[in-house]
mmCIF file of all heavy atoms, coordinates in Angstrom:
data_MODEL
# 
_entry.id   MODEL 
# 
loop_
_atom_site.group_PDB 
_atom_site.id 
_atom_site.type_symbol 
_atom_site.label_atom_id 
_atom_site.label_alt_id 
_atom_site.label_comp_id 
_atom_site.label_asym_id 
_atom_site.label_entity_id 
_atom_site.label_seq_id 
_atom_site.pdbx_PDB_ins_code 
_atom_site.Cartn_x 
_atom_site.Cartn_y 
_atom_site.Cartn_z 
_atom_site.occupancy 
_atom_site.B_iso_or_equiv 
_atom_site.pdbx_formal_charge 
_atom_site.auth_seq_id 
_atom_site.auth_comp_id 
_atom_site.auth_asym_id 
_atom_site.auth_atom_id 
_atom_site.pdbx_PDB_model_num 
ATOM 1   N N   . ALA A 1 1  ? 0.210   -8.104  5.032  1.00 0.00 ? 1  ALA A N   1 
ATOM 2   C CA  . ALA A 1 1  ? 1.105   -6.950  5.089  1.00 0.00 ? 1  ALA A CA  1 
ATOM 3   C C   . ALA A 1 1  ? 1.347   -6.396  3.695  1.00 0.00 ? 1  ALA A C   1 
ATOM 4   O O   . ALA A 1 1  ? 1.347   -7.142  2.707  1.00 0.00 ? 1  ALA A O   1 
ATOM 5   C CB  . ALA A 1 1  ? 2.433   -7.344  5.735  1.00 0.00 ? 1  ALA A CB  1 
ATOM 6   N N   . ILE A 1 2  ? 1.547   -5.096  3.650  1.00 0.00 ? 2  ILE A N   1 
ATOM 7   C CA  . ILE A 1 2  ? 1.905   -4.404  2.408  1.00 0.00 ? 2  ILE A CA  1 
ATOM 8   C C   . ILE A 1 2  ? 3.392   -4.101  2.521  1.00 0.00 ? 2  ILE A C   1 
ATOM 9   O O   . ILE A 1 2  ? 3.815   -3.277  3.329  1.00 0.00 ? 2  ILE A O   1 
ATOM 10  C CB  . ILE A 1 2  ? 1.093   -3.113  2.237  1.00 0.00 ? 2  ILE A CB  1 
ATOM 11  C CG1 . ILE A 1 2  ? -0.403  -3.416  2.298  1.00 0.00 ? 2  ILE A CG1 1 
ATOM 12  C CG2 . ILE A 1 2  ? 1.448   -2.421  0.921  1.00 0.00 ? 2  ILE A CG2 1 
ATOM 13  C CD1 . ILE A 1 2  ? -1.274  -2.166  2.400  1.00 0.00 ? 2  ILE A CD1 1 
ATOM 14  N N   . GLY A 1 3  ? 4.203   -4.809  1.741  1.00 0.00 ? 3  GLY A N   1 
ATOM 15  C CA  . GLY A 1 3  ? 5.649   -4.669  1.822  1.00 0.00 ? 3  GLY A CA  1 
ATOM 16  C C   . GLY A 1 3  ? 6.220   -3.925  0.626  1.00 0.00 ? 3  GLY A C   1 
ATOM 17  O O   . GLY A 1 3  ? 5.515   -3.614  -0.332 1.00 0.00 ? 3  GLY A O   1 
ATOM 18  N N   . GLY A 1 4  ? 7.523   -3.668  0.690  1.00 0.00 ? 4  GLY A N   1 
ATOM 19  C CA  . GLY A 1 4  ? 8.222   -3.087  -0.444 1.00 0.00 ? 4  GLY A CA  1 
ATOM 20  C C   . GLY A 1 4  ? 7.944   -1.626  -0.689 1.00 0.00 ? 4  GLY A C   1 
ATOM 21  O O   . GLY A 1 4  ? 8.213   -1.114  -1.782 1.00 0.00 ? 4  GLY A O   1 
ATOM 22  N N   . LEU A 1 5  ? 7.427   -0.919  0.327  1.00 0.00 ? 5  LEU A N   1 
ATOM 23  C CA  . LEU A 1 5  ? 7.226   0.522   0.203  1.00 0.00 ? 5  LEU A CA  1 
ATOM 24  C C   . LEU A 1 5  ? 8.133   1.237   1.209  1.00 0.00 ? 5  LEU A C   1 
ATOM 25  O O   . LEU A 1 5  ? 8.797   0.603   2.014  1.00 0.00 ? 5  LEU A O   1 
ATOM 26  C CB  . LEU A 1 5  ? 5.758   0.887   0.430  1.00 0.00 ? 5  LEU A CB  1 
ATOM 27  C CG  . LEU A 1 5  ? 4.796   0.361   -0.638 1.00 0.00 ? 5  LEU A CG  1 
ATOM 28  C CD1 . LEU A 1 5  ? 3.344   0.643   -0.251 1.00 0.00 ? 5  LEU A CD1 1 
ATOM 29  C CD2 . LEU A 1 5  ? 5.107   0.974   -2.008 1.00 0.00 ? 5  LEU A CD2 1 
ATOM 30  N N   . SER A 1 6  ? 8.165   2.562   1.109  1.00 0.00 ? 6  SER A N   1 
ATOM 31  C CA  . SER A 1 6  ? 9.085   3.357   1.916  1.00 0.00 ? 6  SER A CA  1 
ATOM 32  C C   . SER A 1 6  ? 10.531  2.941   1.653  1.00 0.00 ? 6  SER A C   1 
ATOM 33  O O   . SER A 1 6  ? 11.355  2.857   2.564  1.00 0.00 ? 6  SER A O   1 
ATOM 34  C CB  . SER A 1 6  ? 8.761   3.236   3.410  1.00 0.00 ? 6  SER A CB  1 
ATOM 35  O OG  . SER A 1 6  ? 9.391   4.240   4.154  1.00 0.00 ? 6  SER A OG  1 
ATOM 36  N N   . VAL A 1 7  ? 10.828  2.658   0.386  1.00 0.00 ? 7  VAL A N   1 
ATOM 37  C CA  . VAL A 1 7  ? 12.183  2.281   -0.031 1.00 0.00 ? 7  VAL A CA  1 
ATOM 38  C C   . VAL A 1 7  ? 12.755  3.277   -1.028 1.00 0.00 ? 7  VAL A C   1 
ATOM 39  O O   . VAL A 1 7  ? 13.666  2.944   -1.789 1.00 0.00 ? 7  VAL A O   1 
ATOM 40  C CB  . VAL A 1 7  ? 12.197  0.857   -0.625 1.00 0.00 ? 7  VAL A CB  1 
ATOM 41  C CG1 . VAL A 1 7  ? 11.902  -0.173  0.447  1.00 0.00 ? 7  VAL A CG1 1 
ATOM 42  C CG2 . VAL A 1 7  ? 11.212  0.730   -1.782 1.00 0.00 ? 7  VAL A CG2 1 
ATOM 43  N N   . GLY A 1 8  ? 12.203  4.508   -1.008 1.00 0.00 ? 8  GLY A N   1 
ATOM 44  C CA  . GLY A 1 8  ? 12.718  5.560   -1.881 1.00 0.00 ? 8  GLY A CA  1 
ATOM 45  C C   . GLY A 1 8  ? 11.723  6.086   -2.893 1.00 0.00 ? 8  GLY A C   1 
ATOM 46  O O   . GLY A 1 8  ? 12.004  7.057   -3.604 1.00 0.00 ? 8  GLY A O   1 
ATOM 47  N N   . GLU A 1 9  ? 10.540  5.478   -2.967 1.00 0.00 ? 9  GLU A N   1 
ATOM 48  C CA  . GLU A 1 9  ? 9.535   5.919   -3.927 1.00 0.00 ? 9  GLU A CA  1 
ATOM 49  C C   . GLU A 1 9  ? 8.916   7.251   -3.487 1.00 0.00 ? 9  GLU A C   1 
ATOM 50  O O   . GLU A 1 9  ? 8.936   7.587   -2.302 1.00 0.00 ? 9  GLU A O   1 
ATOM 51  C CB  . GLU A 1 9  ? 8.441   4.856   -4.095 1.00 0.00 ? 9  GLU A CB  1 
ATOM 52  C CG  . GLU A 1 9  ? 7.423   4.782   -2.953 1.00 0.00 ? 9  GLU A CG  1 
ATOM 53  C CD  . GLU A 1 9  ? 7.923   4.067   -1.727 1.00 0.00 ? 9  GLU A CD  1 
ATOM 54  O OE1 . GLU A 1 9  ? 9.016   3.478   -1.783 1.00 0.00 ? 9  GLU A OE1 1 
ATOM 55  O OE2 . GLU A 1 9  ? 7.220   4.101   -0.696 1.00 0.00 ? 9  GLU A OE2 1 
ATOM 56  N N   . PRO A 1 10 ? 8.377   8.035   -4.432 1.00 0.00 ? 10 PRO A N   1 
ATOM 57  C CA  . PRO A 1 10 ? 7.704   9.293   -4.064 1.00 0.00 ? 10 PRO A CA  1 
ATOM 58  C C   . PRO A 1 10 ? 6.542   9.034   -3.108 1.00 0.00 ? 10 PRO A C   1 
ATOM 59  O O   . PRO A 1 10 ? 5.923   7.966   -3.137 1.00 0.00 ? 10 PRO A O   1 
ATOM 60  C CB  . PRO A 1 10 ? 7.191   9.831   -5.412 1.00 0.00 ? 10 PRO A CB  1 
ATOM 61  C CG  . PRO A 1 10 ? 8.065   9.189   -6.437 1.00 0.00 ? 10 PRO A CG  1 
ATOM 62  C CD  . PRO A 1 10 ? 8.402   7.832   -5.893 1.00 0.00 ? 10 PRO A CD  1 
ATOM 63  N N   . LYS A 1 11 ? 6.246   10.011  -2.299 1.00 0.00 ? 11 LYS A N   1 
ATOM 64  C CA  . LYS A 1 11 ? 5.188   9.865   -1.297 1.00 0.00 ? 11 LYS A CA  1 
ATOM 65  C C   . LYS A 1 11 ? 3.843   9.541   -1.946 1.00 0.00 ? 11 LYS A C   1 
ATOM 66  O O   . LYS A 1 11 ? 3.063   8.756   -1.401 1.00 0.00 ? 11 LYS A O   1 
ATOM 67  C CB  . LYS A 1 11 ? 5.078   11.147  -0.485 1.00 0.00 ? 11 LYS A CB  1 
ATOM 68  C CG  . LYS A 1 11 ? 4.183   11.036  0.730  1.00 0.00 ? 11 LYS A CG  1 
ATOM 69  C CD  . LYS A 1 11 ? 4.860   10.268  1.849  1.00 0.00 ? 11 LYS A CD  1 
ATOM 70  C CE  . LYS A 1 11 ? 5.967   11.068  2.483  1.00 0.00 ? 11 LYS A CE  1 
ATOM 71  N NZ  . LYS A 1 11 ? 6.562   10.366  3.653  1.00 0.00 ? 11 LYS A NZ  1 
ATOM 72  N N   . ARG A 1 12 ? 3.571   10.117  -3.094 1.00 0.00 ? 12 ARG A N   1 
ATOM 73  C CA  . ARG A 1 12 ? 2.282   9.858   -3.749 1.00 0.00 ? 12 ARG A CA  1 
ATOM 74  C C   . ARG A 1 12 ? 2.145   8.385   -4.125 1.00 0.00 ? 12 ARG A C   1 
ATOM 75  O O   . ARG A 1 12 ? 1.047   7.820   -4.092 1.00 0.00 ? 12 ARG A O   1 
ATOM 76  C CB  . ARG A 1 12 ? 2.119   10.740  -4.991 1.00 0.00 ? 12 ARG A CB  1 
ATOM 77  C CG  . ARG A 1 12 ? 3.098   10.453  -6.106 1.00 0.00 ? 12 ARG A CG  1 
ATOM 78  C CD  . ARG A 1 12 ? 2.867   11.333  -7.328 1.00 0.00 ? 12 ARG A CD  1 
ATOM 79  N NE  . ARG A 1 12 ? 3.801   11.043  -8.400 1.00 0.00 ? 12 ARG A NE  1 
ATOM 80  C CZ  . ARG A 1 12 ? 5.027   11.566  -8.490 1.00 0.00 ? 12 ARG A CZ  1 
ATOM 81  N NH1 . ARG A 1 12 ? 5.449   12.409  -7.551 1.00 0.00 ? 12 ARG A NH1 1 
ATOM 82  N NH2 . ARG A 1 12 ? 5.820   11.250  -9.488 1.00 0.00 ? 12 ARG A NH2 1 
ATOM 83  N N   . ASP A 1 13 ? 3.270   7.748   -4.479 1.00 0.00 ? 13 ASP A N   1 
ATOM 84  C CA  . ASP A 1 13 ? 3.218   6.327   -4.817 1.00 0.00 ? 13 ASP A CA  1 
ATOM 85  C C   . ASP A 1 13 ? 2.946   5.483   -3.580 1.00 0.00 ? 13 ASP A C   1 
ATOM 86  O O   . ASP A 1 13 ? 2.236   4.469   -3.654 1.00 0.00 ? 13 ASP A O   1 
ATOM 87  C CB  . ASP A 1 13 ? 4.529   5.889   -5.468 1.00 0.00 ? 13 ASP A CB  1 
ATOM 88  C CG  . ASP A 1 13 ? 4.687   6.424   -6.877 1.00 0.00 ? 13 ASP A CG  1 
ATOM 89  O OD1 . ASP A 1 13 ? 3.659   6.757   -7.494 1.00 0.00 ? 13 ASP A OD1 1 
ATOM 90  O OD2 . ASP A 1 13 ? 5.825   6.515   -7.367 1.00 0.00 ? 13 ASP A OD2 1 
ATOM 91  N N   . LEU A 1 14 ? 3.517   5.887   -2.450 1.00 0.00 ? 14 LEU A N   1 
ATOM 92  C CA  . LEU A 1 14 ? 3.245   5.177   -1.197 1.00 0.00 ? 14 LEU A CA  1 
ATOM 93  C C   . LEU A 1 14 ? 1.751   5.184   -0.906 1.00 0.00 ? 14 LEU A C   1 
ATOM 94  O O   . LEU A 1 14 ? 1.159   4.143   -0.581 1.00 0.00 ? 14 LEU A O   1 
ATOM 95  C CB  . LEU A 1 14 ? 4.015   5.843   -0.053 1.00 0.00 ? 14 LEU A CB  1 
ATOM 96  C CG  . LEU A 1 14 ? 3.632   5.434   1.384  1.00 0.00 ? 14 LEU A CG  1 
ATOM 97  C CD1 . LEU A 1 14 ? 3.892   3.958   1.619  1.00 0.00 ? 14 LEU A CD1 1 
ATOM 98  C CD2 . LEU A 1 14 ? 4.404   6.278   2.396  1.00 0.00 ? 14 LEU A CD2 1 
ATOM 99  N N   . VAL A 1 15 ? 1.127   6.332   -1.049 1.00 0.00 ? 15 VAL A N   1 
ATOM 100 C CA  . VAL A 1 15 ? -0.305  6.463   -0.779 1.00 0.00 ? 15 VAL A CA  1 
ATOM 101 C C   . VAL A 1 15 ? -1.115  5.666   -1.795 1.00 0.00 ? 15 VAL A C   1 
ATOM 102 O O   . VAL A 1 15 ? -2.037  4.920   -1.440 1.00 0.00 ? 15 VAL A O   1 
ATOM 103 C CB  . VAL A 1 15 ? -0.725  7.942   -0.786 1.00 0.00 ? 15 VAL A CB  1 
ATOM 104 C CG1 . VAL A 1 15 ? -2.239  8.076   -0.673 1.00 0.00 ? 15 VAL A CG1 1 
ATOM 105 C CG2 . VAL A 1 15 ? -0.046  8.700   0.363  1.00 0.00 ? 15 VAL A CG2 1 
ATOM 106 N N   . GLU A 1 16 ? -0.770  5.796   -3.068 1.00 0.00 ? 16 GLU A N   1 
ATOM 107 C CA  . GLU A 1 16 ? -1.537  5.122   -4.122 1.00 0.00 ? 16 GLU A CA  1 
ATOM 108 C C   . GLU A 1 16 ? -1.433  3.602   -4.004 1.00 0.00 ? 16 GLU A C   1 
ATOM 109 O O   . GLU A 1 16 ? -2.428  2.889   -4.175 1.00 0.00 ? 16 GLU A O   1 
ATOM 110 C CB  . GLU A 1 16 ? -1.045  5.577   -5.495 1.00 0.00 ? 16 GLU A CB  1 
ATOM 111 C CG  . GLU A 1 16 ? -1.435  7.014   -5.834 1.00 0.00 ? 16 GLU A CG  1 
ATOM 112 C CD  . GLU A 1 16 ? -0.854  7.473   -7.158 1.00 0.00 ? 16 GLU A CD  1 
ATOM 113 O OE1 . GLU A 1 16 ? -0.196  6.633   -7.835 1.00 0.00 ? 16 GLU A OE1 1 
ATOM 114 O OE2 . GLU A 1 16 ? -1.024  8.643   -7.520 1.00 0.00 ? 16 GLU A OE2 1 
ATOM 115 N N   . MET A 1 17 ? -0.241  3.092   -3.697 1.00 0.00 ? 17 MET A N   1 
ATOM 116 C CA  . MET A 1 17 ? -0.081  1.640   -3.576 1.00 0.00 ? 17 MET A CA  1 
ATOM 117 C C   . MET A 1 17 ? -0.798  1.104   -2.345 1.00 0.00 ? 17 MET A C   1 
ATOM 118 O O   . MET A 1 17 ? -1.356  0.007   -2.367 1.00 0.00 ? 17 MET A O   1 
ATOM 119 C CB  . MET A 1 17 ? 1.401   1.270   -3.548 1.00 0.00 ? 17 MET A CB  1 
ATOM 120 C CG  . MET A 1 17 ? 2.162   1.560   -4.838 1.00 0.00 ? 17 MET A CG  1 
ATOM 121 S SD  . MET A 1 17 ? 1.432   0.808   -6.323 1.00 0.00 ? 17 MET A SD  1 
ATOM 122 C CE  . MET A 1 17 ? 0.584   2.234   -7.051 1.00 0.00 ? 17 MET A CE  1 
ATOM 123 N N   . THR A 1 18 ? -0.794  1.877   -1.285 1.00 0.00 ? 18 THR A N   1 
ATOM 124 C CA  . THR A 1 18 ? -1.534  1.466   -0.087 1.00 0.00 ? 18 THR A CA  1 
ATOM 125 C C   . THR A 1 18 ? -3.016  1.364   -0.398 1.00 0.00 ? 18 THR A C   1 
ATOM 126 O O   . THR A 1 18 ? -3.682  0.385   -0.017 1.00 0.00 ? 18 THR A O   1 
ATOM 127 C CB  . THR A 1 18 ? -1.296  2.464   1.062  1.00 0.00 ? 18 THR A CB  1 
ATOM 128 O OG1 . THR A 1 18 ? 0.108   2.539   1.339  1.00 0.00 ? 18 THR A OG1 1 
ATOM 129 C CG2 . THR A 1 18 ? -2.032  2.045   2.317  1.00 0.00 ? 18 THR A CG2 1 
ATOM 130 N N   . GLU A 1 19 ? -3.552  2.346   -1.080 1.00 0.00 ? 19 GLU A N   1 
ATOM 131 C CA  . GLU A 1 19 ? -4.959  2.319   -1.476 1.00 0.00 ? 19 GLU A CA  1 
ATOM 132 C C   . GLU A 1 19 ? -5.254  1.130   -2.384 1.00 0.00 ? 19 GLU A C   1 
ATOM 133 O O   . GLU A 1 19 ? -6.272  0.443   -2.231 1.00 0.00 ? 19 GLU A O   1 
ATOM 134 C CB  . GLU A 1 19 ? -5.333  3.616   -2.185 1.00 0.00 ? 19 GLU A CB  1 
ATOM 135 C CG  . GLU A 1 19 ? -5.427  4.824   -1.265 1.00 0.00 ? 19 GLU A CG  1 
ATOM 136 C CD  . GLU A 1 19 ? -5.842  6.078   -2.030 1.00 0.00 ? 19 GLU A CD  1 
ATOM 137 O OE1 . GLU A 1 19 ? -5.723  6.087   -3.271 1.00 0.00 ? 19 GLU A OE1 1 
ATOM 138 O OE2 . GLU A 1 19 ? -6.280  7.040   -1.373 1.00 0.00 ? 19 GLU A OE2 1 
ATOM 139 N N   . ALA A 1 20 ? -4.355  0.879   -3.339 1.00 0.00 ? 20 ALA A N   1 
ATOM 140 C CA  . ALA A 1 20 ? -4.580  -0.195  -4.305 1.00 0.00 ? 20 ALA A CA  1 
ATOM 141 C C   . ALA A 1 20 ? -4.672  -1.547  -3.618 1.00 0.00 ? 20 ALA A C   1 
ATOM 142 O O   . ALA A 1 20 ? -5.500  -2.395  -3.980 1.00 0.00 ? 20 ALA A O   1 
ATOM 143 C CB  . ALA A 1 20 ? -3.451  -0.203  -5.342 1.00 0.00 ? 20 ALA A CB  1 
ATOM 144 N N   . VAL A 1 21 ? -3.836  -1.768  -2.592 1.00 0.00 ? 21 VAL A N   1 
ATOM 145 C CA  . VAL A 1 21 ? -3.802  -3.071  -1.920 1.00 0.00 ? 21 VAL A CA  1 
ATOM 146 C C   . VAL A 1 21 ? -4.894  -3.196  -0.869 1.00 0.00 ? 21 VAL A C   1 
ATOM 147 O O   . VAL A 1 21 ? -5.560  -4.229  -0.765 1.00 0.00 ? 21 VAL A O   1 
ATOM 148 C CB  . VAL A 1 21 ? -2.415  -3.306  -1.275 1.00 0.00 ? 21 VAL A CB  1 
ATOM 149 C CG1 . VAL A 1 21 ? -2.412  -4.604  -0.474 1.00 0.00 ? 21 VAL A CG1 1 
ATOM 150 C CG2 . VAL A 1 21 ? -1.342  -3.340  -2.355 1.00 0.00 ? 21 VAL A CG2 1 
ATOM 151 N N   . ALA A 1 22 ? -5.089  -2.148  -0.068 1.00 0.00 ? 22 ALA A N   1 
ATOM 152 C CA  . ALA A 1 22 ? -6.058  -2.228  1.027  1.00 0.00 ? 22 ALA A CA  1 
ATOM 153 C C   . ALA A 1 22 ? -7.450  -2.592  0.530  1.00 0.00 ? 22 ALA A C   1 
ATOM 154 O O   . ALA A 1 22 ? -8.200  -3.298  1.210  1.00 0.00 ? 22 ALA A O   1 
ATOM 155 C CB  . ALA A 1 22 ? -6.101  -0.913  1.798  1.00 0.00 ? 22 ALA A CB  1 
ATOM 156 N N   . GLY A 1 23 ? -7.777  -2.144  -0.673 1.00 0.00 ? 23 GLY A N   1 
ATOM 157 C CA  . GLY A 1 23 ? -9.095  -2.438  -1.211 1.00 0.00 ? 23 GLY A CA  1 
ATOM 158 C C   . GLY A 1 23 ? -9.294  -3.898  -1.593 1.00 0.00 ? 23 GLY A C   1 
ATOM 159 O O   . GLY A 1 23 ? -10.425 -4.340  -1.784 1.00 0.00 ? 23 GLY A O   1 
ATOM 160 N N   . VAL A 1 24 ? -8.207  -4.650  -1.691 1.00 0.00 ? 24 VAL A N   1 
ATOM 161 C CA  . VAL A 1 24 ? -8.278  -6.055  -2.083 1.00 0.00 ? 24 VAL A CA  1 
ATOM 162 C C   . VAL A 1 24 ? -8.225  -6.971  -0.862 1.00 0.00 ? 24 VAL A C   1 
ATOM 163 O O   . VAL A 1 24 ? -8.768  -8.079  -0.881 1.00 0.00 ? 24 VAL A O   1 
ATOM 164 C CB  . VAL A 1 24 ? -7.117  -6.401  -3.048 1.00 0.00 ? 24 VAL A CB  1 
ATOM 165 C CG1 . VAL A 1 24 ? -7.136  -7.872  -3.441 1.00 0.00 ? 24 VAL A CG1 1 
ATOM 166 C CG2 . VAL A 1 24 ? -7.182  -5.516  -4.286 1.00 0.00 ? 24 VAL A CG2 1 
ATOM 167 N N   . LEU A 1 25 ? -7.581  -6.507  0.220  1.00 0.00 ? 25 LEU A N   1 
ATOM 168 C CA  . LEU A 1 25 ? -7.370  -7.361  1.387  1.00 0.00 ? 25 LEU A CA  1 
ATOM 169 C C   . LEU A 1 25 ? -8.668  -7.589  2.148  1.00 0.00 ? 25 LEU A C   1 
ATOM 170 O O   . LEU A 1 25 ? -9.531  -6.718  2.205  1.00 0.00 ? 25 LEU A O   1 
ATOM 171 C CB  . LEU A 1 25 ? -6.332  -6.723  2.309  1.00 0.00 ? 25 LEU A CB  1 
ATOM 172 C CG  . LEU A 1 25 ? -4.938  -6.528  1.697  1.00 0.00 ? 25 LEU A CG  1 
ATOM 173 C CD1 . LEU A 1 25 ? -4.014  -5.874  2.702  1.00 0.00 ? 25 LEU A CD1 1 
ATOM 174 C CD2 . LEU A 1 25 ? -4.361  -7.855  1.207  1.00 0.00 ? 25 LEU A CD2 1 
ATOM 175 N N   . PRO A 1 26 ? -8.825  -8.755  2.764  1.00 0.00 ? 26 PRO A N   1 
ATOM 176 C CA  . PRO A 1 26 ? -10.046 -9.061  3.520  1.00 0.00 ? 26 PRO A CA  1 
ATOM 177 C C   . PRO A 1 26 ? -10.249 -8.075  4.665  1.00 0.00 ? 26 PRO A C   1 
ATOM 178 O O   . PRO A 1 26 ? -9.300  -7.696  5.350  1.00 0.00 ? 26 PRO A O   1 
ATOM 179 C CB  . PRO A 1 26 ? -9.794  -10.478 4.065  1.00 0.00 ? 26 PRO A CB  1 
ATOM 180 C CG  . PRO A 1 26 ? -8.729  -11.038 3.204  1.00 0.00 ? 26 PRO A CG  1 
ATOM 181 C CD  . PRO A 1 26 ? -7.876  -9.890  2.776  1.00 0.00 ? 26 PRO A CD  1 
ATOM 182 N N   . SER A 1 27 ? -11.482 -7.680  4.885  1.00 0.00 ? 27 SER A N   1 
ATOM 183 C CA  . SER A 1 27 ? -11.763 -6.709  5.943  1.00 0.00 ? 27 SER A CA  1 
ATOM 184 C C   . SER A 1 27 ? -11.737 -7.325  7.326  1.00 0.00 ? 27 SER A C   1 
ATOM 185 O O   . SER A 1 27 ? -11.652 -6.603  8.322  1.00 0.00 ? 27 SER A O   1 
ATOM 186 C CB  . SER A 1 27 ? -13.127 -6.049  5.705  1.00 0.00 ? 27 SER A CB  1 
ATOM 187 O OG  . SER A 1 27 ? -14.152 -7.024  5.732  1.00 0.00 ? 27 SER A OG  1 
ATOM 188 N N   . ASP A 1 28 ? -11.784 -8.652  7.408  1.00 0.00 ? 28 ASP A N   1 
ATOM 189 C CA  . ASP A 1 28 ? -11.822 -9.302  8.723  1.00 0.00 ? 28 ASP A CA  1 
ATOM 190 C C   . ASP A 1 28 ? -10.449 -9.818  9.158  1.00 0.00 ? 28 ASP A C   1 
ATOM 191 O O   . ASP A 1 28 ? -10.348 -10.668 10.033 1.00 0.00 ? 28 ASP A O   1 
ATOM 192 C CB  . ASP A 1 28 ? -12.833 -10.439 8.738  1.00 0.00 ? 28 ASP A CB  1 
ATOM 193 C CG  . ASP A 1 28 ? -12.512 -11.534 7.730  1.00 0.00 ? 28 ASP A CG  1 
ATOM 194 O OD1 . ASP A 1 28 ? -11.587 -11.340 6.901  1.00 0.00 ? 28 ASP A OD1 1 
ATOM 195 O OD2 . ASP A 1 28 ? -13.160 -12.596 7.782  1.00 0.00 ? 28 ASP A OD2 1 
ATOM 196 N N   . ARG A 1 29 ? -9.398  -9.301  8.536  1.00 0.00 ? 29 ARG A N   1 
ATOM 197 C CA  . ARG A 1 29 ? -8.035  -9.639  8.927  1.00 0.00 ? 29 ARG A CA  1 
ATOM 198 C C   . ARG A 1 29 ? -7.243  -8.331  9.094  1.00 0.00 ? 29 ARG A C   1 
ATOM 199 O O   . ARG A 1 29 ? -7.488  -7.349  8.400  1.00 0.00 ? 29 ARG A O   1 
ATOM 200 C CB  . ARG A 1 29 ? -7.348  -10.508 7.874  1.00 0.00 ? 29 ARG A CB  1 
ATOM 201 C CG  . ARG A 1 29 ? -7.970  -11.876 7.696  1.00 0.00 ? 29 ARG A CG  1 
ATOM 202 C CD  . ARG A 1 29 ? -7.693  -12.762 8.905  1.00 0.00 ? 29 ARG A CD  1 
ATOM 203 N NE  . ARG A 1 29 ? -8.167  -14.126 8.704  1.00 0.00 ? 29 ARG A NE  1 
ATOM 204 C CZ  . ARG A 1 29 ? -9.379  -14.555 8.993  1.00 0.00 ? 29 ARG A CZ  1 
ATOM 205 N NH1 . ARG A 1 29 ? -10.279 -13.716 9.488  1.00 0.00 ? 29 ARG A NH1 1 
ATOM 206 N NH2 . ARG A 1 29 ? -9.712  -15.813 8.796  1.00 0.00 ? 29 ARG A NH2 1 
# 
């Protein structure tokens, strides 16, 4: 899970952090 977002940060940061993490997480989970 990607936690700690949607807590007041700008929308662009939500998108950028999601991209940053998704690229590291295993594709088979």
